[in-house]
């Protein structure tokens, strides 16, 4: 059983919530984050070891990685629109950083590696539901960066004997998301500014509660059958973004809808949801809350955090 783990990007949404659950399960946790996106305050109540460092510029990652049994590589630059504006920075933050982490694992003789990929941008406009047999077809630099990273991970697994598990995430929702730029945060800011909510195209997404996702990853620690496998972690439910916009308006008591439907944007996937049978069977993935309930929880979090 794994006892000592290192989480890159551990001050982000997924990483900080994972750290909390891991500590609750008695694991020794080290978080590495440059805090460019995530917030160290998310971790302030946790008994962890925090390393403020950057995967692109740290000259001695090996020394940080030594002594850990498992590395969870959650650090990423995940915004599709930002990747369109600056694909080079996105490549460096995602692909180069991943290669640096893999090399550090090799040098520190870490045998177990977990990677947070994406089930949306990676698949592009592949007809949903997507599963582990669907062929990746990215339509954005971000999606391409995750595909390239997956390629390096598989190569390191075969070349250096590192057990690598790839998790392709749906759209993750939960607390510790104040720094995020996703749809809920965008809608929240527009509501607060009395602006219209904008939906670009007939867009759908597969939202998953962060603790459901992280519990499935934690369950993988005990499953040797999860090694060198790919899993989609999502709810398996296709949710129109217009439904999310309506919920946000209702939450704040906006009775005269101001949702504007705009043309779809280049690089953004239109429809996406996943078939999650494999994760349910092997990892006990389950939906503890509905998407709408999680949206309301996130809005309450943003309200309390702001006040």
Protein backbone atom coordinates (compact mmCIF):
# COMPACT_ATOMS: atom_id res chain seq x y z
CA UNK A 1 0.00 0.00 0.00
CA UNK A 2 1.32 3.44 -0.97
CA UNK A 3 2.10 5.65 2.04
CA UNK A 4 4.10 8.61 0.71
CA UNK A 5 2.90 10.66 -2.27
CA UNK A 6 3.91 13.83 -4.09
CA UNK A 7 1.30 15.95 -5.88
CA UNK A 8 2.37 18.45 -8.53
CA UNK A 9 -0.17 21.22 -8.90
CA UNK A 10 -1.40 20.33 -5.45
CA UNK A 11 -2.62 23.86 -4.73
CA UNK A 12 -5.20 23.68 -7.51
CA UNK A 13 -8.81 22.52 -7.50
CA UNK A 14 -8.19 18.79 -7.93
CA UNK A 15 -4.83 18.68 -6.14
CA UNK A 16 -5.85 20.53 -2.97
CA UNK A 17 -8.99 18.45 -2.54
CA UNK A 18 -7.00 15.30 -3.24
CA UNK A 19 -4.47 16.30 -0.59
CA UNK A 20 -7.29 16.68 1.94
CA UNK A 21 -8.69 13.21 1.20
CA UNK A 22 -5.21 11.66 1.19
CA UNK A 23 -4.39 13.13 4.60
CA UNK A 24 -7.71 11.82 5.91
CA UNK A 25 -6.64 8.35 4.75
CA UNK A 26 -3.36 8.63 6.64
CA UNK A 27 -1.01 9.23 3.71
CA UNK A 28 2.13 11.34 3.91
CA UNK A 29 1.61 14.13 1.38
CA UNK A 30 4.04 16.51 -0.32
CA UNK A 31 2.59 19.25 -2.53
CA UNK A 32 4.70 20.96 -5.19
CA UNK A 33 3.20 24.08 -6.75
CA UNK A 34 4.42 27.42 -8.09
CA UNK A 35 1.12 29.02 -6.99
CA UNK A 36 0.84 30.82 -10.32
CA UNK A 37 -2.71 29.49 -10.65
CA UNK A 38 -3.50 27.58 -7.46
CA UNK A 39 -3.68 29.03 -3.97
CA UNK A 40 -1.59 27.90 -1.02
CA UNK A 41 -4.41 29.01 1.27
CA UNK A 42 -6.43 26.01 0.06
CA UNK A 43 -3.95 23.83 1.97
CA UNK A 44 -3.55 25.88 5.15
CA UNK A 45 -5.45 23.46 7.42
CA UNK A 46 -3.70 20.33 6.14
CA UNK A 47 -0.74 18.54 7.69
CA UNK A 48 1.39 18.34 4.56
CA UNK A 49 4.85 19.22 3.29
CA UNK A 50 4.67 22.14 0.84
CA UNK A 51 7.36 22.87 -1.75
CA UNK A 52 7.10 26.16 -3.64
CA UNK A 53 8.79 25.36 -6.94
CA UNK A 54 8.30 25.43 -10.70
CA UNK A 55 8.47 22.31 -12.85
CA UNK A 56 9.97 24.27 -15.73
CA UNK A 57 12.74 26.02 -13.81
CA UNK A 58 13.54 23.80 -10.82
CA UNK A 59 17.07 22.50 -11.39
CA UNK A 60 16.94 19.62 -8.95
CA UNK A 61 13.53 17.97 -9.09
CA UNK A 62 15.11 14.64 -8.23
CA UNK A 63 15.93 15.80 -4.70
CA UNK A 64 12.30 16.83 -4.16
CA UNK A 65 10.95 13.57 -5.54
CA UNK A 66 13.28 11.24 -3.60
CA UNK A 67 11.59 9.16 -0.92
CA UNK A 68 8.12 9.22 -2.42
CA UNK A 69 6.41 6.07 -3.67
CA UNK A 70 3.99 7.74 -6.07
CA UNK A 71 3.82 11.00 -8.03
CA UNK A 72 0.47 12.45 -9.07
CA UNK A 73 1.06 14.97 -11.84
CA UNK A 74 -1.89 17.37 -11.70
CA UNK A 75 -0.02 20.56 -12.63
CA UNK A 76 -1.24 21.94 -15.96
CA UNK A 77 -2.32 24.98 -17.92
CA UNK A 78 -5.80 23.86 -18.81
CA UNK A 79 -7.61 26.77 -20.43
CA UNK A 80 -8.50 26.07 -24.06
CA UNK A 81 -8.85 29.71 -25.08
CA UNK A 82 -5.51 30.62 -23.49
CA UNK A 83 -3.89 27.77 -25.39
CA UNK A 84 -5.21 29.26 -28.63
CA UNK A 85 -3.75 32.65 -27.73
CA UNK A 86 -0.36 31.29 -26.64
CA UNK A 87 0.24 27.69 -27.76
CA UNK A 88 3.96 27.84 -26.94
CA UNK A 89 3.39 28.64 -23.28
CA UNK A 90 0.73 25.95 -23.14
CA UNK A 91 3.14 23.40 -24.61
CA UNK A 92 5.83 24.28 -22.11
CA UNK A 93 3.49 24.24 -19.11
CA UNK A 94 1.99 20.90 -20.11
CA UNK A 95 4.38 18.87 -22.26
CA UNK A 96 7.81 20.12 -21.18
CA UNK A 97 6.78 20.11 -17.53
CA UNK A 98 5.44 16.56 -17.86
CA UNK A 99 8.70 15.41 -19.41
CA UNK A 100 10.62 17.02 -16.55
CA UNK A 101 8.43 15.22 -14.01
CA UNK A 102 8.87 11.88 -15.77
CA UNK A 103 12.64 12.35 -15.86
CA UNK A 104 12.67 13.20 -12.15
CA UNK A 105 10.66 10.05 -11.43
CA UNK A 106 13.19 8.04 -13.41
CA UNK A 107 16.14 9.58 -11.58
CA UNK A 108 14.51 9.22 -8.15
CA UNK A 109 13.52 5.63 -8.99
CA UNK A 110 9.82 6.26 -8.42
CA UNK A 111 7.90 3.35 -9.88
CA UNK A 112 4.33 4.71 -9.80
CA UNK A 113 2.99 7.72 -11.69
CA UNK A 114 -0.53 9.12 -12.14
CA UNK A 115 -1.43 11.72 -14.76
CA UNK A 116 -4.43 14.02 -15.08
CA UNK A 117 -5.41 14.14 -18.73
CA UNK A 118 -8.64 15.40 -20.29
CA UNK A 119 -11.59 13.58 -21.78
CA UNK A 120 -12.91 16.61 -23.65
CA UNK A 121 -10.19 18.62 -25.37
CA UNK A 122 -8.25 15.42 -26.07
CA UNK A 123 -11.17 13.89 -27.97
CA UNK A 124 -12.19 17.01 -29.85
CA UNK A 125 -15.51 16.60 -31.62
CA UNK A 126 -15.46 12.81 -31.54
CA UNK A 127 -19.09 11.69 -31.28
CA UNK A 128 -19.97 11.09 -27.61
CA UNK A 129 -20.06 9.19 -25.42
CA UNK A 130 -16.29 8.76 -25.54
CA UNK A 131 -14.52 5.88 -23.81
CA UNK A 132 -11.08 4.36 -23.45
CA UNK A 133 -11.23 3.00 -27.00
CA UNK A 134 -12.14 6.31 -28.63
CA UNK A 135 -9.40 7.76 -30.80
CA UNK A 136 -8.07 11.13 -29.61
CA UNK A 137 -8.66 13.94 -32.08
CA UNK A 138 -7.75 17.27 -30.43
CA UNK A 139 -8.89 20.52 -32.00
CA UNK A 140 -7.01 22.91 -29.67
CA UNK A 141 -3.37 23.30 -28.62
CA UNK A 142 -4.42 22.34 -25.08
CA UNK A 143 -5.89 19.05 -26.29
CA UNK A 144 -2.78 18.41 -28.36
CA UNK A 145 -0.56 19.07 -25.33
CA UNK A 146 -2.39 16.42 -23.32
CA UNK A 147 -2.10 13.92 -26.17
CA UNK A 148 1.64 14.60 -26.45
CA UNK A 149 2.01 14.18 -22.70
CA UNK A 150 0.17 10.86 -22.80
CA UNK A 151 2.60 9.73 -25.50
CA UNK A 152 5.64 10.53 -23.36
CA UNK A 153 4.07 8.84 -20.36
CA UNK A 154 3.48 5.61 -22.27
CA UNK A 155 7.02 5.77 -23.66
CA UNK A 156 8.54 6.20 -20.19
CA UNK A 157 6.41 3.37 -18.88
CA UNK A 158 7.73 1.00 -21.53
CA UNK A 159 11.30 2.30 -21.54
CA UNK A 160 11.97 2.68 -17.83
CA UNK A 161 9.48 0.43 -16.08
CA UNK A 162 7.39 3.17 -14.49
CA UNK A 163 3.81 2.12 -13.69
CA UNK A 164 1.71 4.88 -15.24
CA UNK A 165 -2.03 5.39 -14.89
CA UNK A 166 -3.75 8.02 -17.02
CA UNK A 167 -7.03 9.57 -15.90
CA UNK A 168 -9.00 11.54 -18.46
CA UNK A 169 -11.06 14.03 -16.47
CA UNK A 170 -14.46 15.42 -17.22
CA UNK A 171 -15.18 19.01 -16.14
CA UNK A 172 -14.37 19.00 -12.45
CA UNK A 173 -16.45 21.05 -10.00
CA UNK A 174 -15.99 21.63 -6.29
CA UNK A 175 -14.59 23.96 -3.64
CA UNK A 176 -11.11 25.53 -3.88
CA UNK A 177 -12.00 26.88 -7.31
CA UNK A 178 -11.74 30.63 -6.78
CA UNK A 179 -8.76 30.81 -9.15
CA UNK A 180 -10.49 28.93 -11.97
CA UNK A 181 -11.67 30.48 -15.22
CA UNK A 182 -14.25 27.86 -16.17
CA UNK A 183 -17.91 28.37 -16.98
CA UNK A 184 -19.20 28.54 -13.39
CA UNK A 185 -16.68 31.20 -12.41
CA UNK A 186 -17.38 33.15 -15.59
CA UNK A 187 -21.13 33.07 -14.98
CA UNK A 188 -20.63 34.04 -11.36
CA UNK A 189 -18.60 37.12 -12.26
CA UNK A 190 -21.09 38.21 -14.92
CA UNK A 191 -24.01 37.85 -12.53
CA UNK A 192 -22.16 39.94 -9.96
CA UNK A 193 -21.57 42.60 -12.60
CA UNK A 194 -25.22 42.45 -13.75
CA UNK A 195 -24.12 41.28 -17.19
CA UNK A 196 -25.70 38.79 -19.55
CA UNK A 197 -24.51 35.18 -19.38
CA UNK A 198 -23.02 34.05 -22.68
CA UNK A 199 -23.11 30.52 -24.07
CA UNK A 200 -21.01 29.86 -27.17
CA UNK A 201 -22.80 27.37 -29.39
CA UNK A 202 -24.93 24.34 -28.54
CA UNK A 203 -22.37 23.21 -25.99
CA UNK A 204 -22.64 20.30 -23.56
CA UNK A 205 -20.21 19.07 -20.93
CA UNK A 206 -19.76 16.18 -18.50
CA UNK A 207 -19.35 17.59 -15.00
CA UNK A 208 -17.99 15.58 -12.07
CA UNK A 209 -17.81 16.42 -8.36
CA UNK A 210 -14.15 16.70 -7.32
CA UNK A 211 -14.44 14.28 -4.38
CA UNK A 212 -16.03 11.60 -6.58
CA UNK A 213 -13.14 11.92 -9.02
CA UNK A 214 -10.49 11.91 -6.30
CA UNK A 215 -11.97 8.94 -4.44
CA UNK A 216 -11.75 6.90 -7.64
CA UNK A 217 -8.08 7.87 -7.99
CA UNK A 218 -7.42 6.95 -4.36
CA UNK A 219 -9.11 3.60 -4.92
CA UNK A 220 -6.67 2.94 -7.77
CA UNK A 221 -3.81 2.81 -5.24
CA UNK A 222 -5.08 -0.57 -4.07
CA UNK A 223 -5.67 -1.97 -7.56
CA UNK A 224 -2.69 -3.49 -9.35
CA UNK A 225 -5.06 -3.92 -12.31
CA UNK A 226 -5.18 -0.10 -12.61
CA UNK A 227 -1.49 0.14 -13.45
CA UNK A 228 -0.65 1.17 -17.00
CA UNK A 229 -4.32 1.76 -17.75
CA UNK A 230 -6.42 4.66 -19.00
CA UNK A 231 -9.68 5.63 -17.28
CA UNK A 232 -12.29 8.25 -18.03
CA UNK A 233 -13.40 9.94 -14.80
CA UNK A 234 -16.64 11.81 -15.34
CA UNK A 235 -20.30 11.58 -14.40
CA UNK A 236 -21.41 10.01 -17.66
CA UNK A 237 -24.14 12.65 -17.90
CA UNK A 238 -24.36 15.13 -20.78
CA UNK A 239 -25.36 18.57 -19.45
CA UNK A 240 -26.15 21.54 -21.73
CA UNK A 241 -24.34 24.70 -20.67
CA UNK A 242 -27.64 26.53 -21.08
CA UNK A 243 -28.96 24.43 -18.16
CA UNK A 244 -26.02 25.62 -16.06
CA UNK A 245 -26.71 29.23 -17.03
CA UNK A 246 -30.37 28.86 -16.04
CA UNK A 247 -29.37 27.38 -12.67
CA UNK A 248 -26.99 30.25 -11.98
CA UNK A 249 -29.68 32.80 -12.81
CA UNK A 250 -32.18 31.02 -10.56
CA UNK A 251 -29.66 30.83 -7.72
CA UNK A 252 -29.27 34.60 -7.75
CA UNK A 253 -32.97 35.30 -8.30
CA UNK A 254 -32.65 36.68 -11.81
CA UNK A 255 -36.18 36.26 -13.17
CA UNK A 256 -35.76 37.86 -16.59
CA UNK A 257 -33.21 35.65 -18.32
CA UNK A 258 -30.24 37.36 -19.87
CA UNK A 259 -28.62 34.28 -21.41
CA UNK A 260 -27.13 35.12 -24.81
CA UNK A 261 -26.43 32.33 -27.30
CA UNK A 262 -23.34 33.19 -29.31
CA UNK A 263 -21.68 31.34 -32.21
CA UNK A 264 -19.38 28.49 -31.23
CA UNK A 265 -15.70 29.30 -30.82
CA UNK A 266 -12.84 27.73 -32.76
CA UNK A 267 -10.90 25.19 -30.72
CA UNK A 268 -13.76 24.47 -28.30
CA UNK A 269 -15.43 21.09 -28.27
CA UNK A 270 -19.18 21.24 -28.87
CA UNK A 271 -20.67 18.11 -27.29
CA UNK A 272 -18.88 15.96 -24.73
CA UNK A 273 -19.71 13.25 -22.24
CA UNK A 274 -18.06 9.96 -21.35
CA UNK A 275 -18.86 6.30 -20.91
CA UNK A 276 -17.46 5.57 -17.44
CA UNK A 277 -18.25 1.85 -17.11
CA UNK A 278 -14.58 0.94 -16.78
CA UNK A 279 -13.96 3.35 -13.89
CA UNK A 280 -17.12 2.18 -12.15
CA UNK A 281 -16.12 -1.46 -12.48
CA UNK A 282 -12.47 -1.19 -11.47
CA UNK A 283 -12.35 1.92 -9.26
CA UNK A 284 -15.80 2.18 -7.74
CA UNK A 285 -16.48 5.54 -9.40
CA UNK A 286 -19.87 6.90 -8.39
CA UNK A 287 -21.87 10.11 -8.59
CA UNK A 288 -22.60 11.22 -5.04
CA UNK A 289 -24.34 14.41 -6.21
CA UNK A 290 -26.16 15.64 -9.29
CA UNK A 291 -24.50 18.22 -11.50
CA UNK A 292 -27.03 20.87 -10.53
CA UNK A 293 -26.44 20.18 -6.83
CA UNK A 294 -22.68 20.57 -7.31
CA UNK A 295 -23.18 23.81 -9.24
CA UNK A 296 -25.19 25.17 -6.30
CA UNK A 297 -22.47 24.04 -3.89
CA UNK A 298 -19.81 25.85 -5.93
CA UNK A 299 -21.90 29.03 -6.05
CA UNK A 300 -22.35 28.90 -2.27
CA UNK A 301 -18.60 28.43 -1.93
CA UNK A 302 -17.87 31.44 -4.13
CA UNK A 303 -20.34 33.55 -2.16
CA UNK A 304 -18.93 32.58 1.22
CA UNK A 305 -15.37 32.93 -0.03
CA UNK A 306 -16.07 36.40 -1.32
CA UNK A 307 -17.72 37.55 1.88
